[in-house]
Amino acid sequence: MATVQELEEFGMLLSPENCFLTKSQQICSIDITASWRLESPSDYCLFVSTQTEPLKCWVNQTRGKITAHFKVNESVKFTLKASDGPFILEKRLTLYRQVKNLRKKRRNPWSFY
């Protein structure tokens, strides 16, 4: 699998794509690197579902890369859009929460005492 630095095929990569929270954590604080590559040069903007303004825009480019720090409490969608059209590429940062204590019970079910 290609890393963000080695994006050779057309598409978009996020690194990392997941954030894991323990029971006590409410906010995911994470640095995300987004990288994209397309065949045709144009004006593109990268949007984040938690913001109305674009995270970054590129003029007459076929590829782009950005690293930004995020504090989120839900999954976030990253969308690359052309200035003259609908979205082109989309990736999701998925947030996972620990909801169950994984500790094993001390008493075995067959024990009477």
PDB file of N, CA and C in Angstrom:
ATOM      1  N   MET A   1       0.839  -1.178   0.000  1.00  0.00           N
ATOM      2  CA  MET A   1       0.000   0.000   0.000  1.00  0.00           C
ATOM      3  C   MET A   1       0.882   1.238   0.000  1.00  0.00           C
ATOM      4  N   ALA A   2       0.505   2.238  -0.770  1.00  0.00           N
ATOM      5  CA  ALA A   2       1.285   3.464  -0.868  1.00  0.00           C
ATOM      6  C   ALA A   2       1.092   4.313   0.377  1.00  0.00           C
ATOM      7  N   THR A   3       2.166   4.969   0.780  1.00  0.00           N
ATOM      8  CA  THR A   3       2.056   5.895   1.897  1.00  0.00           C
ATOM      9  C   THR A   3       1.657   7.261   1.350  1.00  0.00           C
ATOM     10  N   VAL A   4       1.410   8.194   2.242  1.00  0.00           N
ATOM     11  CA  VAL A   4       1.004   9.532   1.821  1.00  0.00           C
ATOM     12  C   VAL A   4       2.091  10.180   0.970  1.00  0.00           C
ATOM     13  N   GLN A   5       3.356   9.938   1.299  1.00  0.00           N
ATOM     14  CA  GLN A   5       4.446  10.536   0.549  1.00  0.00           C
ATOM     15  C   GLN A   5       4.607   9.895  -0.840  1.00  0.00           C
ATOM     16  N   GLU A   6       4.132   8.676  -1.020  1.00  0.00           N
ATOM     17  CA  GLU A   6       4.355   7.933  -2.258  1.00  0.00           C
ATOM     18  C   GLU A   6       3.083   7.745  -3.067  1.00  0.00           C
ATOM     19  N   LEU A   7       2.176   8.703  -3.049  1.00  0.00           N
ATOM     20  CA  LEU A   7       0.919   8.569  -3.763  1.00  0.00           C
ATOM     21  C   LEU A   7       1.195   8.592  -5.260  1.00  0.00           C
ATOM     22  N   GLU A   8       1.248   7.415  -5.872  1.00  0.00           N
ATOM     23  CA  GLU A   8       1.591   7.290  -7.283  1.00  0.00           C
ATOM     24  C   GLU A   8       0.359   7.138  -8.160  1.00  0.00           C
ATOM     25  N   GLU A   9      -0.710   6.576  -7.610  1.00  0.00           N
ATOM     26  CA  GLU A   9      -1.935   6.402  -8.369  1.00  0.00           C
ATOM     27  C   GLU A   9      -2.889   7.537  -8.051  1.00  0.00           C
ATOM     28  N   PHE A  10      -3.924   7.658  -8.868  1.00  0.00           N
ATOM     29  CA  PHE A  10      -4.912   8.706  -8.646  1.00  0.00           C
ATOM     30  C   PHE A  10      -5.783   8.341  -7.458  1.00  0.00           C
ATOM     31  N   GLY A  11      -6.080   9.325  -6.624  1.00  0.00           N
ATOM     32  CA  GLY A  11      -6.918   9.090  -5.462  1.00  0.00           C
ATOM     33  C   GLY A  11      -6.514   9.988  -4.311  1.00  0.00           C
ATOM     34  N   MET A  12      -7.018   9.642  -3.124  1.00  0.00           N
ATOM     35  CA  MET A  12      -6.722  10.418  -1.924  1.00  0.00           C
ATOM     36  C   MET A  12      -6.397   9.476  -0.783  1.00  0.00           C
ATOM     37  N   LEU A  13      -5.435   9.885   0.052  1.00  0.00           N
ATOM     38  CA  LEU A  13      -5.050   9.123   1.238  1.00  0.00           C
ATOM     39  C   LEU A  13      -5.133  10.014   2.467  1.00  0.00           C
ATOM     40  N   LEU A  14      -5.554   9.427   3.570  1.00  0.00           N
ATOM     41  CA  LEU A  14      -5.490  10.064   4.876  1.00  0.00           C
ATOM     42  C   LEU A  14      -4.566   9.243   5.753  1.00  0.00           C
ATOM     43  N   SER A  15      -3.789   9.909   6.568  1.00  0.00           N
ATOM     44  CA  SER A  15      -2.932   9.190   7.492  1.00  0.00           C
ATOM     45  C   SER A  15      -2.913   9.944   8.815  1.00  0.00           C
ATOM     46  N   PRO A  16      -3.362   9.343   9.882  1.00  0.00           N
ATOM     47  CA  PRO A  16      -4.035   8.045   9.981  1.00  0.00           C
ATOM     48  C   PRO A  16      -5.503   8.173   9.595  1.00  0.00           C
ATOM     49  N   GLU A  17      -6.163   7.028   9.392  1.00  0.00           N
ATOM     50  CA  GLU A  17      -7.584   7.021   9.033  1.00  0.00           C
ATOM     51  C   GLU A  17      -8.480   6.736  10.233  1.00  0.00           C
ATOM     52  N   ASN A  18      -7.889   6.376  11.376  1.00  0.00           N
ATOM     53  CA  ASN A  18      -8.666   6.004  12.558  1.00  0.00           C
ATOM     54  C   ASN A  18      -8.122   6.704  13.795  1.00  0.00           C
ATOM     55  N   CYS A  19      -9.028   6.939  14.748  1.00  0.00           N
ATOM     56  CA  CYS A  19      -8.641   7.455  16.055  1.00  0.00           C
ATOM     57  C   CYS A  19      -9.377   6.627  17.099  1.00  0.00           C
ATOM     58  N   PHE A  20      -8.655   6.129  18.087  1.00  0.00           N
ATOM     59  CA  PHE A  20      -9.227   5.266  19.116  1.00  0.00           C
ATOM     60  C   PHE A  20      -9.245   5.995  20.452  1.00  0.00           C
ATOM     61  N   LEU A  21     -10.425   6.030  21.080  1.00  0.00           N
ATOM     62  CA  LEU A  21     -10.600   6.685  22.370  1.00  0.00           C
ATOM     63  C   LEU A  21     -10.898   5.654  23.444  1.00  0.00           C
ATOM     64  N   THR A  22     -10.326   5.867  24.623  1.00  0.00           N
ATOM     65  CA  THR A  22     -10.667   5.017  25.754  1.00  0.00           C
ATOM     66  C   THR A  22     -11.964   5.538  26.370  1.00  0.00           C
ATOM     67  N   LYS A  23     -12.463   4.824  27.376  1.00  0.00           N
ATOM     68  CA  LYS A  23     -13.703   5.245  28.035  1.00  0.00           C
ATOM     69  C   LYS A  23     -13.608   6.642  28.624  1.00  0.00           C
ATOM     70  N   SER A  24     -12.449   7.002  29.141  1.00  0.00           N
ATOM     71  CA  SER A  24     -12.288   8.286  29.817  1.00  0.00           C
ATOM     72  C   SER A  24     -12.052   9.455  28.855  1.00  0.00           C
ATOM     73  N   GLN A  25     -11.716   9.187  27.604  1.00  0.00           N
ATOM     74  CA  GLN A  25     -11.441  10.251  26.640  1.00  0.00           C
ATOM     75  C   GLN A  25     -12.726  10.697  25.938  1.00  0.00           C
ATOM     76  N   GLN A  26     -12.851  12.006  25.737  1.00  0.00           N
ATOM     77  CA  GLN A  26     -14.002  12.568  25.035  1.00  0.00           C
ATOM     78  C   GLN A  26     -13.625  13.143  23.675  1.00  0.00           C
ATOM     79  N   ILE A  27     -12.376  13.600  23.548  1.00  0.00           N
ATOM     80  CA  ILE A  27     -11.916  14.291  22.345  1.00  0.00           C
ATOM     81  C   ILE A  27     -10.706  13.570  21.763  1.00  0.00           C
ATOM     82  N   CYS A  28     -10.706  13.435  20.450  1.00  0.00           N
ATOM     83  CA  CYS A  28      -9.553  12.892  19.736  1.00  0.00           C
ATOM     84  C   CYS A  28      -8.712  14.072  19.255  1.00  0.00           C
ATOM     85  N   SER A  29      -7.484  14.154  19.714  1.00  0.00           N
ATOM     86  CA  SER A  29      -6.554  15.193  19.307  1.00  0.00           C
ATOM     87  C   SER A  29      -5.498  14.528  18.436  1.00  0.00           C
ATOM     88  N   ILE A  30      -5.473  14.895  17.140  1.00  0.00           N
ATOM     89  CA  ILE A  30      -4.675  14.122  16.191  1.00  0.00           C
ATOM     90  C   ILE A  30      -4.173  15.005  15.049  1.00  0.00           C
ATOM     91  N   ASP A  31      -2.965  14.698  14.557  1.00  0.00           N
ATOM     92  CA  ASP A  31      -2.426  15.331  13.353  1.00  0.00           C
ATOM     93  C   ASP A  31      -2.770  14.445  12.169  1.00  0.00           C
ATOM     94  N   ILE A  32      -3.407  15.029  11.158  1.00  0.00           N
ATOM     95  CA  ILE A  32      -3.829  14.266   9.981  1.00  0.00           C
ATOM     96  C   ILE A  32      -3.110  14.803   8.755  1.00  0.00           C
ATOM     97  N   THR A  33      -2.606  13.906   7.932  1.00  0.00           N
ATOM     98  CA  THR A  33      -2.021  14.284   6.649  1.00  0.00           C
ATOM     99  C   THR A  33      -2.945  13.781   5.549  1.00  0.00           C
ATOM    100  N   ALA A  34      -3.381  14.705   4.708  1.00  0.00           N
ATOM    101  CA  ALA A  34      -4.220  14.370   3.556  1.00  0.00           C
ATOM    102  C   ALA A  34      -3.410  14.618   2.295  1.00  0.00           C
ATOM    103  N   SER A  35      -3.440  13.658   1.395  1.00  0.00           N
ATOM    104  CA  SER A  35      -2.694  13.747   0.148  1.00  0.00           C
ATOM    105  C   SER A  35      -3.587  13.274  -0.983  1.00  0.00           C
ATOM    106  N   TRP A  36      -3.551  13.962  -2.122  1.00  0.00           N
ATOM    107  CA  TRP A  36      -4.391  13.569  -3.249  1.00  0.00           C
ATOM    108  C   TRP A  36      -3.632  13.746  -4.561  1.00  0.00           C
ATOM    109  N   ARG A  37      -4.114  13.013  -5.573  1.00  0.00           N
ATOM    110  CA  ARG A  37      -3.541  13.120  -6.915  1.00  0.00           C
ATOM    111  C   ARG A  37      -4.633  12.836  -7.929  1.00  0.00           C
ATOM    112  N   LEU A  38      -4.728  13.698  -8.951  1.00  0.00           N
ATOM    113  CA  LEU A  38      -5.706  13.532 -10.025  1.00  0.00           C
ATOM    114  C   LEU A  38      -5.015  13.680 -11.375  1.00  0.00           C
ATOM    115  N   GLU A  39      -5.711  13.282 -12.420  1.00  0.00           N
ATOM    116  CA  GLU A  39      -5.131  13.292 -13.756  1.00  0.00           C
ATOM    117  C   GLU A  39      -5.125  14.685 -14.379  1.00  0.00           C
ATOM    118  N   SER A  40      -6.201  15.437 -14.202  1.00  0.00           N
ATOM    119  CA  SER A  40      -6.351  16.733 -14.869  1.00  0.00           C
ATOM    120  C   SER A  40      -6.051  17.887 -13.929  1.00  0.00           C
ATOM    121  N   PRO A  41      -5.202  18.821 -14.359  1.00  0.00           N
ATOM    122  CA  PRO A  41      -4.961  19.995 -13.520  1.00  0.00           C
ATOM    123  C   PRO A  41      -6.201  20.886 -13.482  1.00  0.00           C
ATOM    124  N   SER A  42      -6.502  21.391 -12.298  1.00  0.00           N
ATOM    125  CA  SER A  42      -7.641  22.285 -12.102  1.00  0.00           C
ATOM    126  C   SER A  42      -7.502  22.938 -10.736  1.00  0.00           C
ATOM    127  N   ASP A  43      -8.509  23.721 -10.370  1.00  0.00           N
ATOM    128  CA  ASP A  43      -8.551  24.333  -9.047  1.00  0.00           C
ATOM    129  C   ASP A  43      -9.345  23.416  -8.127  1.00  0.00           C
ATOM    130  N   TYR A  44      -8.721  22.971  -7.036  1.00  0.00           N
ATOM    131  CA  TYR A  44      -9.348  22.033  -6.100  1.00  0.00           C
ATOM    132  C   TYR A  44      -9.278  22.592  -4.687  1.00  0.00           C
ATOM    133  N   CYS A  45     -10.305  22.245  -3.888  1.00  0.00           N
ATOM    134  CA  CYS A  45     -10.320  22.616  -2.478  1.00  0.00           C
ATOM    135  C   CYS A  45     -10.645  21.391  -1.637  1.00  0.00           C
ATOM    136  N   LEU A  46      -9.979  21.298  -0.488  1.00  0.00           N
ATOM    137  CA  LEU A  46     -10.221  20.214   0.458  1.00  0.00           C
ATOM    138  C   LEU A  46     -11.112  20.744   1.581  1.00  0.00           C
ATOM    139  N   PHE A  47     -12.258  20.085   1.767  1.00  0.00           N
ATOM    140  CA  PHE A  47     -13.215  20.473   2.793  1.00  0.00           C
ATOM    141  C   PHE A  47     -13.258  19.418   3.892  1.00  0.00           C
ATOM    142  N   VAL A  48     -13.582  19.866   5.097  1.00  0.00           N
ATOM    143  CA  VAL A  48     -13.741  18.989   6.252  1.00  0.00           C
ATOM    144  C   VAL A  48     -15.185  19.156   6.721  1.00  0.00           C
ATOM    145  N   SER A  49     -15.840  18.051   7.058  1.00  0.00           N
ATOM    146  CA  SER A  49     -17.265  18.096   7.395  1.00  0.00           C
ATOM    147  C   SER A  49     -17.576  18.943   8.629  1.00  0.00           C
ATOM    148  N   THR A  50     -16.583  19.239   9.452  1.00  0.00           N
ATOM    149  CA  THR A  50     -16.815  20.030  10.665  1.00  0.00           C
ATOM    150  C   THR A  50     -16.641  21.535  10.423  1.00  0.00           C
ATOM    151  N   GLN A  51     -16.262  21.923   9.186  1.00  0.00           N
ATOM    152  CA  GLN A  51     -16.009  23.331   8.879  1.00  0.00           C
ATOM    153  C   GLN A  51     -16.739  23.730   7.601  1.00  0.00           C
ATOM    154  N   THR A  52     -17.149  24.994   7.520  1.00  0.00           N
ATOM    155  CA  THR A  52     -17.827  25.477   6.315  1.00  0.00           C
ATOM    156  C   THR A  52     -16.829  25.977   5.272  1.00  0.00           C
ATOM    157  N   GLU A  53     -15.716  26.514   5.724  1.00  0.00           N
ATOM    158  CA  GLU A  53     -14.686  27.010   4.815  1.00  0.00           C
ATOM    159  C   GLU A  53     -13.729  25.873   4.443  1.00  0.00           C
ATOM    160  N   PRO A  54     -13.130  25.938   3.242  1.00  0.00           N
ATOM    161  CA  PRO A  54     -12.171  24.891   2.871  1.00  0.00           C
ATOM    162  C   PRO A  54     -10.931  24.904   3.762  1.00  0.00           C
ATOM    163  N   LEU A  55     -10.388  23.728   3.980  1.00  0.00           N
ATOM    164  CA  LEU A  55      -9.155  23.598   4.754  1.00  0.00           C
ATOM    165  C   LEU A  55      -7.984  24.183   3.971  1.00  0.00           C
ATOM    166  N   LYS A  56      -7.972  23.893   2.655  1.00  0.00           N
ATOM    167  CA  LYS A  56      -6.938  24.428   1.769  1.00  0.00           C
ATOM    168  C   LYS A  56      -7.418  24.323   0.335  1.00  0.00           C
ATOM    169  N   CYS A  57      -6.963  25.251  -0.509  1.00  0.00           N
ATOM    170  CA  CYS A  57      -7.266  25.221  -1.941  1.00  0.00           C
ATOM    171  C   CYS A  57      -5.961  25.236  -2.740  1.00  0.00           C
ATOM    172  N   TRP A  58      -5.982  24.591  -3.881  1.00  0.00           N
ATOM    173  CA  TRP A  58      -4.850  24.549  -4.799  1.00  0.00           C
ATOM    174  C   TRP A  58      -5.303  25.081  -6.154  1.00  0.00           C
ATOM    175  N   VAL A  59      -4.448  25.835  -6.843  1.00  0.00           N
ATOM    176  CA  VAL A  59      -4.784  26.419  -8.134  1.00  0.00           C
ATOM    177  C   VAL A  59      -4.010  25.704  -9.229  1.00  0.00           C
ATOM    178  N   ASN A  60      -4.737  25.196 -10.231  1.00  0.00           N
ATOM    179  CA  ASN A  60      -4.166  24.553 -11.418  1.00  0.00           C
ATOM    180  C   ASN A  60      -3.148  23.468 -11.044  1.00  0.00           C
ATOM    181  N   GLN A  61      -3.566  22.543 -10.172  1.00  0.00           N
ATOM    182  CA  GLN A  61      -2.685  21.479  -9.689  1.00  0.00           C
ATOM    183  C   GLN A  61      -3.271  20.098 -10.006  1.00  0.00           C
ATOM    184  N   THR A  62      -2.401  19.091 -10.019  1.00  0.00           N
ATOM    185  CA  THR A  62      -2.830  17.699 -10.166  1.00  0.00           C
ATOM    186  C   THR A  62      -2.634  16.912  -8.874  1.00  0.00           C
ATOM    187  N   ARG A  63      -1.967  17.508  -7.901  1.00  0.00           N
ATOM    188  CA  ARG A  63      -1.747  16.840  -6.613  1.00  0.00           C
ATOM    189  C   ARG A  63      -1.601  17.881  -5.510  1.00  0.00           C
ATOM    190  N   GLY A  64      -1.819  17.395  -4.282  1.00  0.00           N
ATOM    191  CA  GLY A  64      -1.677  18.286  -3.143  1.00  0.00           C
ATOM    192  C   GLY A  64      -1.504  17.499  -1.865  1.00  0.00           C
ATOM    193  N   LYS A  65      -1.011  18.190  -0.848  1.00  0.00           N
ATOM    194  CA  LYS A  65      -0.774  17.546   0.448  1.00  0.00           C
ATOM    195  C   LYS A  65      -0.873  18.603   1.534  1.00  0.00           C
ATOM    196  N   ILE A  66      -1.473  18.222   2.657  1.00  0.00           N
ATOM    197  CA  ILE A  66      -1.585  19.126   3.797  1.00  0.00           C
ATOM    198  C   ILE A  66      -1.586  18.296   5.075  1.00  0.00           C
ATOM    199  N   THR A  67      -0.964  18.858   6.119  1.00  0.00           N
ATOM    200  CA  THR A  67      -1.008  18.266   7.454  1.00  0.00           C
ATOM    201  C   THR A  67      -1.623  19.294   8.380  1.00  0.00           C
ATOM    202  N   ALA A  68      -2.612  18.859   9.158  1.00  0.00           N
ATOM    203  CA  ALA A  68      -3.296  19.772  10.072  1.00  0.00           C
ATOM    204  C   ALA A  68      -3.637  19.036  11.361  1.00  0.00           C
ATOM    205  N   HIS A  69      -3.775  19.805  12.438  1.00  0.00           N
ATOM    206  CA  HIS A  69      -4.128  19.247  13.741  1.00  0.00           C
ATOM    207  C   HIS A  69      -5.628  19.398  13.951  1.00  0.00           C
ATOM    208  N   PHE A  70      -6.264  18.318  14.418  1.00  0.00           N
ATOM    209  CA  PHE A  70      -7.706  18.320  14.648  1.00  0.00           C
ATOM    210  C   PHE A  70      -8.013  17.851  16.054  1.00  0.00           C
ATOM    211  N   LYS A  71      -9.071  18.422  16.619  1.00  0.00           N
ATOM    212  CA  LYS A  71      -9.662  17.944  17.872  1.00  0.00           C
ATOM    213  C   LYS A  71     -11.120  17.664  17.549  1.00  0.00           C
ATOM    214  N   VAL A  72     -11.481  16.375  17.540  1.00  0.00           N
ATOM    215  CA  VAL A  72     -12.833  15.991  17.130  1.00  0.00           C
ATOM    216  C   VAL A  72     -13.448  15.039  18.153  1.00  0.00           C
ATOM    217  N   ASN A  73     -14.780  15.035  18.188  1.00  0.00           N
ATOM    218  CA  ASN A  73     -15.492  14.105  19.066  1.00  0.00           C
ATOM    219  C   ASN A  73     -16.436  13.209  18.276  1.00  0.00           C
ATOM    220  N   GLU A  74     -16.290  13.219  16.937  1.00  0.00           N
ATOM    221  CA  GLU A  74     -17.063  12.343  16.055  1.00  0.00           C
ATOM    222  C   GLU A  74     -16.260  12.110  14.775  1.00  0.00           C
ATOM    223  N   SER A  75     -16.700  11.135  13.981  1.00  0.00           N
ATOM    224  CA  SER A  75     -16.017  10.858  12.718  1.00  0.00           C
ATOM    225  C   SER A  75     -16.107  12.076  11.800  1.00  0.00           C
ATOM    226  N   VAL A  76     -15.061  12.269  10.990  1.00  0.00           N
ATOM    227  CA  VAL A  76     -14.957  13.460  10.141  1.00  0.00           C
ATOM    228  C   VAL A  76     -14.747  13.023   8.695  1.00  0.00           C
ATOM    229  N   LYS A  77     -15.440  13.704   7.784  1.00  0.00           N
ATOM    230  CA  LYS A  77     -15.331  13.405   6.357  1.00  0.00           C
ATOM    231  C   LYS A  77     -14.470  14.473   5.679  1.00  0.00           C
ATOM    232  N   PHE A  78     -13.482  14.048   4.889  1.00  0.00           N
ATOM    233  CA  PHE A  78     -12.637  14.929   4.098  1.00  0.00           C
ATOM    234  C   PHE A  78     -13.061  14.796   2.642  1.00  0.00           C
ATOM    235  N   THR A  79     -13.368  15.934   2.000  1.00  0.00           N
ATOM    236  CA  THR A  79     -13.891  15.917   0.634  1.00  0.00           C
ATOM    237  C   THR A  79     -13.070  16.859  -0.233  1.00  0.00           C
ATOM    238  N   LEU A  80     -12.594  16.339  -1.361  1.00  0.00           N
ATOM    239  CA  LEU A  80     -11.887  17.166  -2.345  1.00  0.00           C
ATOM    240  C   LEU A  80     -12.885  17.544  -3.434  1.00  0.00           C
ATOM    241  N   LYS A  81     -13.019  18.855  -3.688  1.00  0.00           N
ATOM    242  CA  LYS A  81     -13.976  19.342  -4.682  1.00  0.00           C
ATOM    243  C   LYS A  81     -13.250  20.193  -5.712  1.00  0.00           C
ATOM    244  N   ALA A  82     -13.725  20.103  -6.950  1.00  0.00           N
ATOM    245  CA  ALA A  82     -13.249  21.005  -7.994  1.00  0.00           C
ATOM    246  C   ALA A  82     -14.024  22.308  -7.869  1.00  0.00           C
ATOM    247  N   SER A  83     -13.404  23.397  -8.251  1.00  0.00           N
ATOM    248  CA  SER A  83     -14.064  24.699  -8.116  1.00  0.00           C
ATOM    249  C   SER A  83     -15.300  24.808  -9.003  1.00  0.00           C
ATOM    250  N   ASP A  84     -15.354  24.027 -10.065  1.00  0.00           N
ATOM    251  CA  ASP A  84     -16.466  24.130 -11.010  1.00  0.00           C
ATOM    252  C   ASP A  84     -17.360  22.888 -11.024  1.00  0.00           C
ATOM    253  N   GLY A  85     -17.315  22.083  -9.963  1.00  0.00           N
ATOM    254  CA  GLY A  85     -18.121  20.870 -10.010  1.00  0.00           C
ATOM    255  C   GLY A  85     -18.357  20.257  -8.644  1.00  0.00           C
ATOM    256  N   PRO A  86     -18.942  19.066  -8.656  1.00  0.00           N
ATOM    257  CA  PRO A  86     -19.238  18.373  -7.400  1.00  0.00           C
ATOM    258  C   PRO A  86     -17.965  17.773  -6.796  1.00  0.00           C
ATOM    259  N   PHE A  87     -18.140  17.077  -5.673  1.00  0.00           N
ATOM    260  CA  PHE A  87     -16.974  16.488  -5.024  1.00  0.00           C
ATOM    261  C   PHE A  87     -16.360  15.414  -5.918  1.00  0.00           C
ATOM    262  N   ILE A  88     -15.075  15.223  -5.769  1.00  0.00           N
ATOM    263  CA  ILE A  88     -14.343  14.267  -6.591  1.00  0.00           C
ATOM    264  C   ILE A  88     -13.878  13.084  -5.758  1.00  0.00           C
ATOM    265  N   LEU A  89     -13.271  13.379  -4.624  1.00  0.00           N
ATOM    266  CA  LEU A  89     -12.727  12.338  -3.752  1.00  0.00           C
ATOM    267  C   LEU A  89     -13.222  12.560  -2.326  1.00  0.00           C
ATOM    268  N   GLU A  90     -13.343  11.444  -1.605  1.00  0.00           N
ATOM    269  CA  GLU A  90     -13.825  11.545  -0.237  1.00  0.00           C
ATOM    270  C   GLU A  90     -13.184  10.453   0.615  1.00  0.00           C
ATOM    271  N   LYS A  91     -12.740  10.833   1.807  1.00  0.00           N
ATOM    272  CA  LYS A  91     -12.188   9.892   2.784  1.00  0.00           C
ATOM    273  C   LYS A  91     -12.730  10.257   4.154  1.00  0.00           C
ATOM    274  N   ARG A  92     -12.716   9.288   5.071  1.00  0.00           N
ATOM    275  CA  ARG A  92     -13.274   9.504   6.398  1.00  0.00           C
ATOM    276  C   ARG A  92     -12.254   9.149   7.476  1.00  0.00           C
ATOM    277  N   LEU A  93     -12.148  10.043   8.466  1.00  0.00           N
ATOM    278  CA  LEU A  93     -11.428   9.752   9.695  1.00  0.00           C
ATOM    279  C   LEU A  93     -12.464   9.152  10.630  1.00  0.00           C
ATOM    280  N   THR A  94     -12.297   7.879  10.975  1.00  0.00           N
ATOM    281  CA  THR A  94     -13.272   7.172  11.793  1.00  0.00           C
ATOM    282  C   THR A  94     -12.835   7.187  13.245  1.00  0.00           C
ATOM    283  N   LEU A  95     -13.771   7.542  14.103  1.00  0.00           N
ATOM    284  CA  LEU A  95     -13.538   7.609  15.543  1.00  0.00           C
ATOM    285  C   LEU A  95     -14.116   6.360  16.188  1.00  0.00           C
ATOM    286  N   TYR A  96     -13.300   5.676  16.969  1.00  0.00           N
ATOM    287  CA  TYR A  96     -13.731   4.472  17.674  1.00  0.00           C
ATOM    288  C   TYR A  96     -13.641   4.724  19.171  1.00  0.00           C
ATOM    289  N   ARG A  97     -14.723   4.400  19.877  1.00  0.00           N
ATOM    290  CA  ARG A  97     -14.757   4.568  21.329  1.00  0.00           C
ATOM    291  C   ARG A  97     -14.814   3.214  22.011  1.00  0.00           C
ATOM    292  N   GLN A  98     -14.082   3.074  23.118  1.00  0.00           N
ATOM    293  CA  GLN A  98     -14.159   1.863  23.925  1.00  0.00           C
ATOM    294  C   GLN A  98     -15.428   1.968  24.757  1.00  0.00           C
ATOM    295  N   VAL A  99     -16.333   1.023  24.570  1.00  0.00           N
ATOM    296  CA  VAL A  99     -17.595   1.082  25.290  1.00  0.00           C
ATOM    297  C   VAL A  99     -17.733  -0.039  26.310  1.00  0.00           C
ATOM    298  N   LYS A 100     -16.872  -1.013  26.231  1.00  0.00           N
ATOM    299  CA  LYS A 100     -16.969  -2.150  27.135  1.00  0.00           C
ATOM    300  C   LYS A 100     -15.614  -2.372  27.802  1.00  0.00           C
ATOM    301  N   ASN A 101     -15.651  -2.658  29.073  1.00  0.00           N
ATOM    302  CA  ASN A 101     -14.429  -2.987  29.781  1.00  0.00           C
ATOM    303  C   ASN A 101     -14.001  -4.390  29.360  1.00  0.00           C
ATOM    304  N   LEU A 102     -12.786  -4.523  28.901  1.00  0.00           N
ATOM    305  CA  LEU A 102     -12.318  -5.796  28.365  1.00  0.00           C
ATOM    306  C   LEU A 102     -11.670  -6.690  29.416  1.00  0.00           C
ATOM    307  N   ARG A 103     -11.768  -6.311  30.662  1.00  0.00           N
ATOM    308  CA  ARG A 103     -11.165  -7.101  31.733  1.00  0.00           C
ATOM    309  C   ARG A 103     -11.971  -8.382  31.963  1.00  0.00           C
ATOM    310  N   LYS A 104     -11.264  -9.471  32.156  1.00  0.00           N
ATOM    311  CA  LYS A 104     -11.913 -10.758  32.387  1.00  0.00           C
ATOM    312  C   LYS A 104     -12.482 -10.830  33.799  1.00  0.00           C
ATOM    313  N   LYS A 105     -13.632 -11.451  33.939  1.00  0.00           N
ATOM    314  CA  LYS A 105     -14.238 -11.639  35.261  1.00  0.00           C
ATOM    315  C   LYS A 105     -13.344 -12.546  36.098  1.00  0.00           C
ATOM    316  N   ARG A 106     -13.359 -12.311  37.403  1.00  0.00           N
ATOM    317  CA  ARG A 106     -12.513 -13.100  38.299  1.00  0.00           C
ATOM    318  C   ARG A 106     -13.123 -14.467  38.596  1.00  0.00           C
ATOM    319  N   ARG A 107     -14.423 -14.530  38.719  1.00  0.00           N
ATOM    320  CA  ARG A 107     -15.068 -15.777  39.102  1.00  0.00           C
ATOM    321  C   ARG A 107     -15.471 -16.554  37.849  1.00  0.00           C
ATOM    322  N   ASN A 108     -15.155 -17.812  37.824  1.00  0.00           N
ATOM    323  CA  ASN A 108     -15.579 -18.673  36.725  1.00  0.00           C
ATOM    324  C   ASN A 108     -17.046 -19.043  36.880  1.00  0.00           C
ATOM    325  N   PRO A 109     -17.790 -19.242  35.787  1.00  0.00           N
ATOM    326  CA  PRO A 109     -19.224 -19.533  35.898  1.00  0.00           C
ATOM    327  C   PRO A 109     -19.510 -20.853  36.610  1.00  0.00           C
ATOM    328  N   TRP A 110     -18.580 -21.778  36.644  1.00  0.00           N
ATOM    329  CA  TRP A 110     -18.808 -23.073  37.279  1.00  0.00           C
ATOM    330  C   TRP A 110     -18.469 -23.051  38.763  1.00  0.00           C
ATOM    331  N   SER A 111     -17.905 -21.951  39.274  1.00  0.00           N
ATOM    332  CA  SER A 111     -17.520 -21.861  40.679  1.00  0.00           C
ATOM    333  C   SER A 111     -18.724 -21.498  41.542  1.00  0.00           C
ATOM    334  N   PHE A 112     -18.890 -22.173  42.671  1.00  0.00           N
ATOM    335  CA  PHE A 112     -20.006 -21.905  43.580  1.00  0.00           C
ATOM    336  C   PHE A 112     -19.634 -20.936  44.675  1.00  0.00           C
ATOM    337  N   TYR A 113     -18.350 -20.709  44.934  1.00  0.00           N
ATOM    338  CA  TYR A 113     -17.935 -19.855  46.035  1.00  0.00           C
ATOM    339  C   TYR A 113     -17.089 -18.724  45.580  1.00  0.00           C
TER     340      TYR A 113
END
